[in-house]
Amino acid sequence: MTTHPSPPDSLESVLAQSVDTAGITGRVVVPEGSPSPALRLLGPRRLPFALNVRAAREWLADNSIDAAAEIDETDELVITLHGGGAARRLIERLLSPGIRAEQAAEQLWNALGRHDLGADVSVADTDMGRITVELRDSDRLGSAVSLCALLGAEDIGDGLRLYRPRGMHQLATRMGLLLTGAVGRGVIVEADPGCAHADAGVRVGLSVEQAFQLAEKIAALPVSSGELPSDGTAFAPHRPVPVQIGAASPVSLLADGGALGDDYTTKATSSGLYDFLLGGVDHYEPDRAAGRDIHETAKWIKTAALINRDFALRSVEFSLALGVRQFLDLGCGLPSPVNVHEITDRTGVALPVVYVDRDPAVYAHAKCRLDRRDGITVIQADILAMDQLLACHAMRAGLDLDQPVAVLAHGVLHWCPDDAAVIQAMAVLRAWMPAGSTLSISHLTGHWHPDTMPEVVATYARHGLDVRPRSREAIGDLFGDFTQQERGLTATGRWGEPGSHALRPEEHSAAFAGIAVKPASRSPRLGAPRGQGAAGLETGR
C-alpha cells in the first residue's frame, strides 16, 4: 500500500481534511490498483472505537459504510472503502455533529469513572449532538450532588423527585443541580420517572461543548470516592476521602483499601500498558512509553494483545455453550468495549459475574463502569492470596458454590514472577472450583521467541514491570488434572473456532491458551456455603 499525492478537492483530499477536522490520528492512502482510498488509523484515539477490528466493523455497518476493516502486518487498523460512495458516506459521518458527540461522551464517561459516580453517558441524539448523562445508582447520588455543588451548580427548581425502583420511597428533592452547574444549566431530559419500576436516577442533557468542558473540569479534580461533603473540602489538595463500603458494595481486600498512590500516573502499570496495546484511552504517558519501547523490541506485541482479548471473549461464549452460568474474571483489567457480563447478558438472564483485580485504577473504573446491575460483584484483591479471596463474604455472596463456575485467568498469571506462589494459588483455586467448572488461561511464553524474549522481559523491567513468560509444560501444569477442551493447550489465536486472528502465524500470539473442565470427582475445596459466617473446608461435589 503506497501513499499518492492528491490534487486539491479530490476525494482523497476531502477525506484527509475530514479526518483532520474530526481529530482522528490517521492518514489517507490509496492501495495499489484501487480507485478508492483507504483510511489507515494509528495513535491512541481513532474513531469512536479503539484499535479493535470487531468494533470497527460494527461501527461501519451501523453507519451504512461499505468498507472492510483489518489489522495489517504493521499492527495498524486499515479501513478499505468499497467505492466512492463509501468514501463520501464516511466523510459525511466524520463531519457530522455526532462524531464529536461520541468523542465527548467517551471523555465524559472516563472522567466520571475516575470519581465513582455510577453514571452512564450516551449520545441521545446523534444528529443534534446531544449528550445524555444518566445517574441511576441511588447509593452514589449524594456524592454526585456534592460534586456538582462544588463546581457551582445552579438549583433549577423543586419539581424533581427520585424514587427507589420498589416501593416508590422518596430519595431526594431538588436534584436538578446534578451535573448542570459546572457548565451552565444544561437541559433536563427526564426529571421525574413517576413509576415504581423506574430506576432511581436523573437524566441530564448537555451539548457537545458542555460535555467537553464538564469532562475537562471533572478530570482535573483529584481522584476520590465515597460520600463527599458539600462544603468544598473534599477536593482540597492532598485531602484524602475515605472509601465507604456497604454490605453489597464493591470491596477491597488490600490493606490500603484500594487507594491510588501519589505516583500512580508517573509509572507504567500492567493494566495501563494492556489498555494502550488494545488502543484504549484509560492509560497514562508512562504506559504509552513502555508500550512503544516494547513494540520496538517485539513488533508482535500489539497483535498478541488483540489476539488475547479475542480469545478471552470467545472463552466466555464457550463456557456458556457448556451450560456454565456464573463467571469469575481474575485480573479483569480496565473495562473494554465488550466485557464479560455484556456477553453473558446476551442469554437474556442477569448471570452472576465477579470481577477481580488488585490495580487501584482498575478497581475504581470497574466499580463505576462494570458494576451496572444486580449479580455483578467487584473485588480488589491479590490473586496470589487466593485463599483469602475465595473465602471473603463478597465472593461467597456473589457465586453459588453448588454450581459450576467459569474461571477466567487471561493474561494475568505472567505478571506474577514467583513460580511457587502461582502454583500454590492455582492449586487452591482448582480445589475450590465445583465439578463441571471451566478454567480458561492465556499466558505469555517465549516458545516462539526464544531469542528476543529475554530482551522483552528486560524492557518490561526497565519500566518497573515484572513479567514471567513460562513454558508450555509449566502453563499446562496450572490446569492440574482438569480435562482440556477443543485443541488443548495451543497458541491463543489457534484455540477453538477460527476468529478474526486465528489465521495469523502462531508466533503472533506469543502465548499459550487453553480451557479445561473440572471432572466430577470428590475433592476438598475452600469456601463456606451461603449463610455460613466463616470459611472452612468442605467436600466438592
Protein backbone atom coordinates (compact mmCIF):
# COMPACT_ATOMS: atom_id res chain seq x y z
CA MET A 1 0.00 0.00 0.00
CA THR A 2 1.53 3.32 -1.03
CA THR A 3 0.66 6.96 -0.50
CA HIS A 4 -0.05 9.11 -3.56
CA PRO A 5 -0.33 12.90 -3.69
CA SER A 6 -3.92 14.04 -4.15
CA PRO A 7 -4.99 17.04 -6.25
CA PRO A 8 -6.93 19.77 -4.44
CA ASP A 9 -10.59 18.91 -3.80
CA SER A 10 -10.08 15.25 -4.78
CA LEU A 11 -11.96 12.59 -2.87
CA GLU A 12 -8.76 11.61 -1.06
CA SER A 13 -8.00 15.22 -0.18
CA VAL A 14 -11.50 15.85 1.20
CA LEU A 15 -11.32 12.62 3.22
CA ALA A 16 -7.94 13.64 4.62
CA GLN A 17 -9.34 17.04 5.63
CA SER A 18 -12.33 15.34 7.25
CA VAL A 19 -10.06 13.04 9.25
CA ASP A 20 -8.10 16.05 10.47
CA THR A 21 -11.27 18.01 11.32
CA ALA A 22 -12.62 15.09 13.35
CA GLY A 23 -9.42 14.99 15.41
CA ILE A 24 -8.51 11.47 14.32
CA THR A 25 -4.92 10.24 14.25
CA GLY A 26 -4.50 8.64 10.85
CA ARG A 27 -3.73 9.12 7.19
CA VAL A 28 -5.45 8.50 3.88
CA VAL A 29 -3.72 6.22 1.40
CA VAL A 30 -4.59 4.74 -1.99
CA PRO A 31 -3.95 0.99 -2.36
CA GLU A 32 -2.17 -0.21 -5.47
CA GLY A 33 -4.65 -0.66 -8.32
CA SER A 34 -7.62 0.60 -6.32
CA PRO A 35 -9.81 3.53 -7.44
CA SER A 36 -10.94 4.16 -3.85
CA PRO A 37 -8.95 5.48 -0.88
CA ALA A 38 -8.34 3.65 2.35
CA LEU A 39 -8.01 5.05 5.84
CA ARG A 40 -5.04 3.91 7.90
CA LEU A 41 -5.61 4.63 11.60
CA LEU A 42 -2.96 4.83 14.29
CA GLY A 43 -2.29 6.53 17.60
CA PRO A 44 -4.19 6.35 20.91
CA ARG A 45 -7.50 7.65 19.52
CA ARG A 46 -9.15 6.75 16.28
CA LEU A 47 -12.87 6.79 15.53
CA PRO A 48 -15.33 6.19 18.40
CA PHE A 49 -13.84 2.70 18.59
CA ALA A 50 -10.29 1.79 19.58
CA LEU A 51 -7.95 -0.48 17.64
CA ASN A 52 -10.47 -3.26 17.56
CA VAL A 53 -11.47 -4.99 14.35
CA ARG A 54 -14.81 -6.20 15.66
CA ALA A 55 -15.85 -2.76 16.94
CA ALA A 56 -14.68 -1.11 13.72
CA ARG A 57 -16.76 -3.44 11.57
CA GLU A 58 -19.82 -2.88 13.75
CA TRP A 59 -19.39 0.89 13.53
CA LEU A 60 -19.06 0.77 9.75
CA ALA A 61 -22.15 -1.42 9.44
CA ASP A 62 -24.17 0.77 11.82
CA ASN A 63 -23.32 3.82 9.71
CA SER A 64 -24.04 2.08 6.37
CA ILE A 65 -20.46 2.46 5.17
CA ASP A 66 -19.45 -0.23 2.66
CA ALA A 67 -15.92 -0.93 3.81
CA ALA A 68 -13.64 -3.62 5.22
CA ALA A 69 -11.59 -3.32 8.40
CA GLU A 70 -8.48 -5.34 9.21
CA ILE A 71 -5.22 -5.18 11.13
CA ASP A 72 -2.27 -5.21 8.74
CA GLU A 73 1.25 -6.52 9.23
CA THR A 74 2.32 -3.27 10.97
CA ASP A 75 -0.50 -3.59 13.54
CA GLU A 76 -2.38 -0.59 12.17
CA LEU A 77 -6.11 -0.61 11.62
CA VAL A 78 -6.86 -0.21 7.89
CA ILE A 79 -10.35 0.67 6.66
CA THR A 80 -10.65 -0.10 2.94
CA LEU A 81 -13.55 1.76 1.34
CA HIS A 82 -15.51 -0.01 -1.39
CA GLY A 83 -16.12 2.73 -3.93
CA GLY A 84 -16.55 6.48 -3.93
CA GLY A 85 -19.97 6.23 -2.31
CA ALA A 86 -18.47 4.64 0.79
CA ALA A 87 -15.80 7.35 0.94
CA ARG A 88 -18.41 10.09 0.69
CA ARG A 89 -20.53 8.43 3.37
CA LEU A 90 -17.51 8.26 5.68
CA ILE A 91 -16.74 11.94 5.02
CA GLU A 92 -20.34 12.83 5.82
CA ARG A 93 -20.14 10.83 9.04
CA LEU A 94 -16.81 12.35 10.08
CA LEU A 95 -18.13 15.88 9.60
CA SER A 96 -21.46 15.27 11.35
CA PRO A 97 -22.05 16.60 14.88
CA GLY A 98 -22.41 13.05 16.05
CA ILE A 99 -18.73 12.19 15.68
CA ARG A 100 -17.72 14.88 18.14
CA ALA A 101 -20.64 13.88 20.34
CA GLU A 102 -19.31 10.33 20.55
CA GLN A 103 -15.83 11.61 21.37
CA ALA A 104 -17.23 13.98 24.01
CA ALA A 105 -19.31 11.18 25.52
CA GLU A 106 -16.23 8.97 25.79
CA GLN A 107 -14.20 11.69 27.53
CA LEU A 108 -17.01 12.49 29.95
CA TRP A 109 -17.58 8.80 30.70
CA ASN A 110 -13.90 8.33 31.57
CA ALA A 111 -13.84 11.48 33.72
CA LEU A 112 -16.92 10.40 35.69
CA GLY A 113 -15.48 6.92 36.07
CA ARG A 114 -12.48 8.31 37.93
CA HIS A 115 -14.82 9.68 40.61
CA ASP A 116 -17.05 6.61 41.02
CA LEU A 117 -20.31 8.46 40.33
CA GLY A 118 -22.14 5.49 38.86
CA ALA A 119 -23.04 7.46 35.73
CA ASP A 120 -23.85 6.26 32.26
CA VAL A 121 -23.06 8.56 29.34
CA SER A 122 -24.55 8.19 25.88
CA VAL A 123 -25.29 10.16 22.74
CA ALA A 124 -29.01 10.87 22.94
CA ASP A 125 -29.40 12.48 19.53
CA THR A 126 -26.64 11.85 17.01
CA ASP A 127 -27.79 14.49 14.52
CA MET A 128 -28.06 17.23 17.14
CA GLY A 129 -25.04 16.04 19.11
CA ARG A 130 -26.86 15.91 22.44
CA ILE A 131 -25.08 14.09 25.28
CA THR A 132 -27.15 12.36 27.94
CA VAL A 133 -25.71 11.77 31.41
CA GLU A 134 -27.76 9.33 33.44
CA LEU A 135 -27.19 8.70 37.14
CA ARG A 136 -29.05 5.62 38.40
CA ASP A 137 -27.15 4.44 41.46
CA SER A 138 -29.00 5.79 44.48
CA ASP A 139 -26.07 4.94 46.76
CA ARG A 140 -23.87 7.39 44.88
CA LEU A 141 -26.32 10.21 44.13
CA GLY A 142 -25.32 12.13 47.24
CA SER A 143 -21.71 12.19 46.07
CA ALA A 144 -22.82 13.34 42.62
CA VAL A 145 -24.83 16.20 44.10
CA SER A 146 -21.92 17.26 46.27
CA LEU A 147 -19.50 17.16 43.36
CA CYS A 148 -21.74 19.33 41.21
CA ALA A 149 -22.36 21.74 44.08
CA LEU A 150 -18.61 22.13 44.45
CA LEU A 151 -18.42 23.01 40.76
CA GLY A 152 -21.01 25.79 41.19
CA ALA A 153 -24.21 24.04 40.19
CA GLU A 154 -27.45 26.01 39.95
CA ASP A 155 -30.68 24.88 41.58
CA ILE A 156 -33.30 24.84 38.83
CA GLY A 157 -36.35 24.20 40.99
CA ASP A 158 -38.17 21.92 43.38
CA GLY A 159 -40.05 19.77 40.90
CA LEU A 160 -37.70 16.81 40.73
CA ARG A 161 -38.36 13.74 42.82
CA LEU A 162 -36.41 10.50 42.83
CA TYR A 163 -37.86 7.13 43.76
CA ARG A 164 -36.44 3.74 44.52
CA PRO A 165 -37.29 1.03 41.97
CA ARG A 166 -39.55 -0.70 44.51
CA GLY A 167 -41.96 0.98 46.90
CA MET A 168 -41.61 4.48 45.46
CA HIS A 169 -39.78 5.72 48.57
CA GLN A 170 -38.71 9.29 48.03
CA LEU A 171 -34.93 9.53 47.88
CA ALA A 172 -34.28 13.22 47.36
CA THR A 173 -35.67 16.51 46.14
CA ARG A 174 -34.26 19.45 44.24
CA MET A 175 -31.78 17.22 42.40
CA GLY A 176 -31.78 19.34 39.27
CA LEU A 177 -28.36 20.68 40.13
CA LEU A 178 -26.84 17.35 39.11
CA LEU A 179 -24.09 17.78 36.53
CA THR A 180 -25.54 21.03 35.16
CA GLY A 181 -23.93 23.84 37.08
CA ALA A 182 -20.39 23.03 36.05
CA VAL A 183 -21.03 24.34 32.56
CA GLY A 184 -24.40 26.07 32.84
CA ARG A 185 -27.94 24.89 33.29
CA GLY A 186 -27.92 22.12 30.74
CA VAL A 187 -31.23 20.53 29.76
CA ILE A 188 -33.25 18.17 31.93
CA VAL A 189 -34.36 15.36 29.61
CA GLU A 190 -36.26 13.31 32.17
CA ALA A 191 -36.92 14.75 35.61
CA ASP A 192 -39.48 12.53 37.33
CA PRO A 193 -39.75 8.82 36.37
CA GLY A 194 -43.07 8.72 38.24
CA CYS A 195 -43.47 4.97 38.38
CA ALA A 196 -42.43 2.24 40.78
CA HIS A 197 -40.48 0.15 38.28
CA ALA A 198 -38.27 3.03 37.09
CA ASP A 199 -34.69 3.09 38.31
CA ALA A 200 -33.86 5.90 40.70
CA GLY A 201 -31.89 8.49 38.81
CA VAL A 202 -31.64 11.63 36.77
CA ARG A 203 -31.02 12.20 33.09
CA VAL A 204 -29.31 15.43 32.12
CA GLY A 205 -28.82 16.60 28.54
CA LEU A 206 -25.68 18.53 27.60
CA SER A 207 -24.43 20.00 24.36
CA VAL A 208 -21.19 18.62 22.92
CA GLU A 209 -19.19 21.65 24.06
CA GLN A 210 -20.73 21.47 27.53
CA ALA A 211 -19.78 17.79 27.73
CA PHE A 212 -16.17 18.54 26.72
CA GLN A 213 -15.99 21.34 29.30
CA LEU A 214 -17.50 19.21 32.06
CA ALA A 215 -15.14 16.31 31.28
CA GLU A 216 -12.17 18.67 31.48
CA LYS A 217 -13.31 20.13 34.82
CA ILE A 218 -14.00 16.75 36.42
CA ALA A 219 -10.80 15.17 35.07
CA ALA A 220 -8.77 17.98 36.66
CA LEU A 221 -10.07 17.15 40.14
CA PRO A 222 -8.13 14.78 42.43
CA VAL A 223 -9.45 11.23 42.29
CA SER A 224 -11.71 10.43 45.23
CA SER A 225 -14.63 8.20 46.10
CA GLY A 226 -17.21 7.72 48.81
CA GLU A 227 -19.72 10.24 50.16
CA LEU A 228 -18.48 13.80 49.64
CA PRO A 229 -19.15 16.78 51.90
CA SER A 230 -20.87 19.75 50.28
CA ASP A 231 -18.55 22.43 51.65
CA GLY A 232 -15.87 22.02 49.03
CA THR A 233 -13.28 20.46 51.32
CA ALA A 234 -13.42 17.05 49.67
CA PHE A 235 -11.46 18.32 46.70
CA ALA A 236 -8.96 20.39 48.65
CA PRO A 237 -5.37 19.49 47.66
CA HIS A 238 -3.96 16.38 49.33
CA ARG A 239 -7.08 15.74 51.42
CA PRO A 240 -7.92 12.02 51.29
CA VAL A 241 -11.56 10.95 51.04
CA PRO A 242 -12.24 7.54 52.63
CA VAL A 243 -13.99 4.79 50.72
CA GLN A 244 -17.24 3.78 52.39
CA ILE A 245 -18.14 0.15 51.86
CA GLY A 246 -21.58 -1.34 52.47
CA ALA A 247 -22.59 -4.96 52.60
CA ALA A 248 -23.44 -5.10 48.89
CA SER A 249 -20.81 -2.64 47.71
CA PRO A 250 -17.60 -3.37 45.80
CA VAL A 251 -14.96 -4.46 48.29
CA SER A 252 -11.19 -4.15 48.61
CA LEU A 253 -9.22 -6.87 50.40
CA LEU A 254 -5.98 -4.87 50.25
CA ALA A 255 -4.55 -3.19 53.32
CA ASP A 256 -4.67 0.31 51.78
CA GLY A 257 -8.37 -0.01 50.95
CA GLY A 258 -7.77 0.38 47.22
CA ALA A 259 -6.25 3.85 47.34
CA LEU A 260 -4.36 5.25 44.38
CA GLY A 261 -0.76 6.09 45.25
CA ASP A 262 0.65 9.57 44.69
CA ASP A 263 2.92 8.18 41.95
CA TYR A 264 0.23 6.25 40.09
CA THR A 265 0.30 8.44 36.99
CA THR A 266 4.11 8.54 36.86
CA LYS A 267 4.82 4.84 36.40
CA ALA A 268 3.66 2.18 33.99
CA THR A 269 1.16 -0.45 35.10
CA SER A 270 0.28 -3.77 33.52
CA SER A 271 -3.36 -2.72 33.13
CA GLY A 272 -2.48 0.64 31.60
CA LEU A 273 0.01 -0.97 29.22
CA TYR A 274 -2.55 -3.56 28.10
CA ASP A 275 -5.11 -0.79 27.57
CA PHE A 276 -2.60 1.08 25.41
CA LEU A 277 -1.79 -2.01 23.34
CA LEU A 278 -5.52 -2.54 22.72
CA GLY A 279 -5.93 1.08 21.59
CA GLY A 280 -7.84 2.18 24.68
CA VAL A 281 -7.88 5.59 26.37
CA ASP A 282 -7.59 4.77 30.09
CA HIS A 283 -3.79 4.89 30.35
CA TYR A 284 -1.06 7.43 31.06
CA GLU A 285 2.14 8.54 29.37
CA PRO A 286 4.34 6.01 31.26
CA ASP A 287 2.13 3.23 29.87
CA ARG A 288 2.49 4.61 26.35
CA ALA A 289 6.27 4.94 26.76
CA ALA A 290 6.53 1.34 27.94
CA GLY A 291 4.33 0.15 25.07
CA ARG A 292 6.40 1.97 22.47
CA ASP A 293 9.67 0.58 23.85
CA ILE A 294 8.36 -2.97 23.98
CA HIS A 295 6.97 -2.63 20.46
CA GLU A 296 10.44 -1.67 19.23
CA THR A 297 11.75 -4.96 20.59
CA ALA A 298 8.70 -7.10 19.82
CA LYS A 299 6.69 -5.97 16.80
CA TRP A 300 4.14 -8.67 17.56
CA ILE A 301 3.16 -7.31 20.97
CA LYS A 302 0.09 -5.31 19.85
CA THR A 303 -1.19 -8.17 17.73
CA ALA A 304 -0.67 -10.54 20.66
CA ALA A 305 -2.75 -8.29 22.90
CA LEU A 306 -5.59 -8.20 20.37
CA ILE A 307 -5.46 -11.97 19.94
CA ASN A 308 -5.56 -12.45 23.70
CA ARG A 309 -8.62 -10.22 24.04
CA ASP A 310 -10.38 -12.06 21.23
CA PHE A 311 -9.70 -15.40 22.94
CA ALA A 312 -10.96 -14.02 26.26
CA LEU A 313 -14.32 -13.14 24.73
CA ARG A 314 -14.61 -16.45 22.90
CA SER A 315 -13.84 -18.33 26.10
CA VAL A 316 -16.93 -16.81 27.73
CA GLU A 317 -19.07 -17.94 24.82
CA PHE A 318 -17.54 -21.43 25.05
CA SER A 319 -18.35 -21.78 28.75
CA LEU A 320 -21.89 -20.56 28.14
CA ALA A 321 -22.28 -23.22 25.45
CA LEU A 322 -21.28 -25.84 28.06
CA GLY A 323 -24.06 -24.62 30.31
CA VAL A 324 -21.94 -22.73 32.86
CA ARG A 325 -23.95 -19.81 34.22
CA GLN A 326 -21.62 -17.89 36.57
CA PHE A 327 -18.23 -16.28 35.92
CA LEU A 328 -15.14 -15.26 37.90
CA ASP A 329 -12.78 -12.94 35.99
CA LEU A 330 -9.34 -12.86 37.66
CA GLY A 331 -7.20 -9.88 36.69
CA CYS A 332 -10.10 -8.37 34.76
CA GLY A 333 -8.14 -5.25 33.75
CA LEU A 334 -9.58 -1.91 32.70
CA PRO A 335 -13.06 -2.02 31.13
CA SER A 336 -13.02 -2.62 27.39
CA PRO A 337 -15.61 -2.13 24.62
CA VAL A 338 -17.01 -5.61 25.39
CA ASN A 339 -16.81 -7.07 28.90
CA VAL A 340 -17.70 -10.46 30.37
CA HIS A 341 -21.15 -9.52 31.69
CA GLU A 342 -22.09 -7.95 28.35
CA ILE A 343 -21.55 -11.32 26.68
CA THR A 344 -23.42 -13.23 29.39
CA ASP A 345 -26.30 -10.74 29.20
CA ARG A 346 -26.97 -11.96 25.65
CA THR A 347 -28.57 -15.02 27.26
CA GLY A 348 -31.37 -12.75 28.45
CA VAL A 349 -30.60 -13.59 32.09
CA ALA A 350 -28.57 -11.47 34.54
CA LEU A 351 -25.97 -14.15 35.28
CA PRO A 352 -23.58 -13.72 38.24
CA VAL A 353 -20.20 -12.21 37.30
CA VAL A 354 -17.38 -11.43 39.74
CA TYR A 355 -14.58 -9.12 38.58
CA VAL A 356 -11.28 -9.22 40.50
CA ASP A 357 -8.17 -7.05 40.11
CA ARG A 358 -5.62 -5.60 42.50
CA ASP A 359 -4.87 -2.42 40.49
CA PRO A 360 -6.50 0.60 42.21
CA ALA A 361 -7.33 2.30 38.91
CA VAL A 362 -8.97 -0.87 37.59
CA TYR A 363 -10.93 -1.12 40.84
CA ALA A 364 -12.14 2.48 40.51
CA HIS A 365 -13.18 2.06 36.87
CA ALA A 366 -14.78 -1.32 37.50
CA LYS A 367 -16.91 -0.01 40.37
CA CYS A 368 -18.38 2.64 38.11
CA ARG A 369 -18.37 1.04 34.67
CA LEU A 370 -18.76 -2.70 35.30
CA ASP A 371 -20.95 -2.76 38.42
CA ARG A 372 -24.04 -1.92 36.35
CA ARG A 373 -26.68 -4.39 37.51
CA ASP A 374 -27.63 -6.94 40.15
CA GLY A 375 -25.44 -10.02 40.03
CA ILE A 376 -22.18 -8.17 39.33
CA THR A 377 -19.54 -8.07 42.07
CA VAL A 378 -16.28 -6.12 42.01
CA ILE A 379 -13.46 -7.14 44.35
CA GLN A 380 -10.00 -5.64 44.70
CA ALA A 381 -7.63 -8.41 45.73
CA ASP A 382 -4.28 -10.04 45.07
CA ILE A 383 -4.94 -13.33 43.32
CA LEU A 384 -1.83 -14.81 44.92
CA ALA A 385 -3.71 -14.56 48.23
CA MET A 386 -6.22 -16.94 46.69
CA ASP A 387 -7.48 -18.50 49.91
CA GLN A 388 -8.37 -15.06 51.30
CA LEU A 389 -10.11 -14.06 48.07
CA LEU A 390 -12.19 -17.23 47.78
CA ALA A 391 -13.25 -17.13 51.43
CA CYS A 392 -14.34 -13.46 51.51
CA HIS A 393 -18.00 -12.59 52.00
CA ALA A 394 -18.34 -10.82 48.64
CA MET A 395 -17.16 -13.92 46.77
CA ARG A 396 -19.44 -16.28 48.72
CA ALA A 397 -22.38 -13.94 48.22
CA GLY A 398 -21.66 -13.45 44.53
CA LEU A 399 -21.33 -17.08 43.45
CA ASP A 400 -23.25 -20.29 44.13
CA LEU A 401 -20.67 -22.92 45.05
CA ASP A 402 -23.14 -25.71 44.35
CA GLN A 403 -22.99 -24.86 40.64
CA PRO A 404 -20.13 -24.80 38.10
CA VAL A 405 -18.14 -21.58 37.75
CA ALA A 406 -16.24 -20.36 34.69
CA VAL A 407 -12.91 -19.01 35.94
CA LEU A 408 -11.07 -16.69 33.57
CA ALA A 409 -7.35 -16.00 34.02
CA HIS A 410 -6.40 -14.26 30.82
CA GLY A 411 -3.04 -12.53 30.55
CA VAL A 412 -2.72 -12.25 34.33
CA LEU A 413 -0.53 -15.06 35.68
CA HIS A 414 2.58 -13.99 33.75
CA TRP A 415 2.54 -10.79 35.85
CA CYS A 416 3.29 -13.00 38.88
CA PRO A 417 7.01 -13.89 38.67
CA ASP A 418 7.02 -16.15 41.77
CA ASP A 419 6.54 -19.65 40.35
CA ALA A 420 5.83 -21.27 43.70
CA ALA A 421 3.22 -18.66 44.63
CA VAL A 422 1.42 -19.09 41.29
CA ILE A 423 1.42 -22.89 41.60
CA GLN A 424 0.03 -22.68 45.14
CA ALA A 425 -2.66 -20.12 44.23
CA MET A 426 -3.85 -22.18 41.28
CA ALA A 427 -3.95 -25.36 43.39
CA VAL A 428 -6.18 -23.60 45.93
CA LEU A 429 -8.38 -22.29 43.10
CA ARG A 430 -8.79 -25.69 41.43
CA ALA A 431 -9.70 -27.34 44.75
CA TRP A 432 -12.34 -24.65 45.37
CA MET A 433 -13.98 -24.92 41.96
CA PRO A 434 -17.14 -27.09 41.79
CA ALA A 435 -17.22 -30.07 39.46
CA GLY A 436 -18.13 -29.11 35.90
CA SER A 437 -16.43 -25.70 36.22
CA THR A 438 -14.25 -24.39 33.42
CA LEU A 439 -10.78 -22.90 33.82
CA SER A 440 -9.59 -20.64 30.99
CA ILE A 441 -5.96 -19.47 30.97
CA SER A 442 -3.89 -17.48 28.49
CA HIS A 443 -0.23 -16.95 29.39
CA LEU A 444 2.81 -15.29 27.79
CA THR A 445 5.52 -17.64 26.58
CA GLY A 446 8.94 -17.49 24.96
CA HIS A 447 8.19 -20.65 22.99
CA TRP A 448 8.13 -18.89 19.60
CA HIS A 449 10.57 -16.09 20.51
CA PRO A 450 13.40 -17.73 22.49
CA ASP A 451 15.99 -15.23 21.27
CA THR A 452 14.08 -11.97 21.76
CA MET A 453 12.01 -12.80 24.86
CA PRO A 454 14.87 -12.09 27.33
CA GLU A 455 15.19 -8.62 25.83
CA VAL A 456 11.41 -8.16 26.04
CA VAL A 457 11.49 -9.11 29.74
CA ALA A 458 14.37 -6.68 30.32
CA THR A 459 12.40 -3.89 28.59
CA TYR A 460 9.44 -4.54 30.86
CA ALA A 461 11.78 -4.41 33.86
CA ARG A 462 13.20 -1.03 32.80
CA HIS A 463 9.67 0.32 33.09
CA GLY A 464 9.16 -1.24 36.53
CA LEU A 465 7.10 -4.21 35.32
CA ASP A 466 7.95 -7.78 36.30
CA VAL A 467 6.81 -10.30 33.72
CA ARG A 468 7.43 -14.06 33.73
CA PRO A 469 6.96 -15.95 30.45
CA ARG A 470 6.54 -19.67 31.08
CA SER A 471 6.97 -22.82 29.05
CA ARG A 472 4.12 -24.83 27.59
CA GLU A 473 4.72 -27.53 30.21
CA ALA A 474 4.64 -25.04 33.11
CA ILE A 475 1.45 -23.44 31.81
CA GLY A 476 -0.15 -26.82 31.30
CA ASP A 477 0.59 -27.75 34.93
CA LEU A 478 -1.59 -24.82 36.08
CA PHE A 479 -4.65 -26.76 34.88
CA GLY A 480 -3.88 -29.72 37.16
CA ASP A 481 -5.97 -32.80 36.27
CA PHE A 482 -8.71 -30.80 34.55
CA THR A 483 -9.80 -32.09 31.13
CA GLN A 484 -8.57 -29.93 28.24
CA GLN A 485 -11.19 -28.95 25.64
CA GLU A 486 -11.07 -28.48 21.86
CA ARG A 487 -7.44 -28.32 20.67
CA GLY A 488 -5.97 -28.44 24.15
CA LEU A 489 -3.21 -26.04 25.14
CA THR A 490 -2.23 -24.21 21.98
CA ALA A 491 -1.39 -20.79 20.54
CA THR A 492 -4.00 -18.32 21.75
CA GLY A 493 -5.10 -17.37 18.25
CA ARG A 494 -5.45 -21.02 17.22
CA TRP A 495 -7.70 -22.16 20.04
CA GLY A 496 -11.25 -23.25 19.17
CA GLU A 497 -13.24 -21.97 16.25
CA PRO A 498 -11.39 -19.62 13.88
CA GLY A 499 -11.83 -15.97 14.81
CA SER A 500 -10.60 -12.69 13.40
CA HIS A 501 -6.99 -13.54 14.35
CA ALA A 502 -7.00 -17.34 14.09
CA LEU A 503 -5.24 -17.48 10.73
CA ARG A 504 -2.22 -15.49 11.88
CA PRO A 505 1.05 -17.33 12.48
CA GLU A 506 1.33 -18.94 15.92
CA GLU A 507 4.23 -16.69 16.88
CA HIS A 508 1.93 -13.65 16.68
CA SER A 509 0.04 -14.98 19.70
CA ALA A 510 3.22 -15.20 21.84
CA ALA A 511 1.05 -17.03 24.36
CA PHE A 512 -0.48 -20.40 25.08
CA ALA A 513 -4.16 -20.71 25.91
CA GLY A 514 -6.48 -23.47 26.99
CA ILE A 515 -9.86 -24.16 28.54
CA ALA A 516 -10.28 -27.18 30.79
CA VAL A 517 -13.21 -28.66 32.71
CA LYS A 518 -13.03 -29.93 36.27
CA PRO A 519 -14.00 -33.61 36.34
CA ALA A 520 -16.79 -34.90 38.60
CA SER A 521 -14.55 -36.26 41.34
CA ARG A 522 -14.73 -35.57 45.04
CA SER A 523 -12.03 -33.23 46.32
CA PRO A 524 -11.81 -30.70 49.17
CA ARG A 525 -12.34 -27.06 48.31
CA LEU A 526 -12.19 -23.85 50.30
CA GLY A 527 -15.12 -21.56 50.97
CA ALA A 528 -18.24 -21.56 53.08
CA PRO A 529 -21.74 -22.13 51.72
CA ARG A 530 -24.15 -19.24 51.61
CA GLY A 531 -25.16 -18.03 55.05
CA GLN A 532 -22.17 -19.55 56.83
CA GLY A 533 -20.20 -16.94 58.72
CA ALA A 534 -16.67 -18.35 58.41
CA ALA A 535 -14.82 -20.13 55.66
CA GLY A 536 -13.91 -23.74 56.16
CA LEU A 537 -13.08 -26.92 54.33
CA GLU A 538 -15.83 -28.80 52.58
CA THR A 539 -16.06 -31.64 50.11
CA GLY A 540 -16.57 -30.77 46.45
CA ARG A 541 -19.37 -32.38 44.58
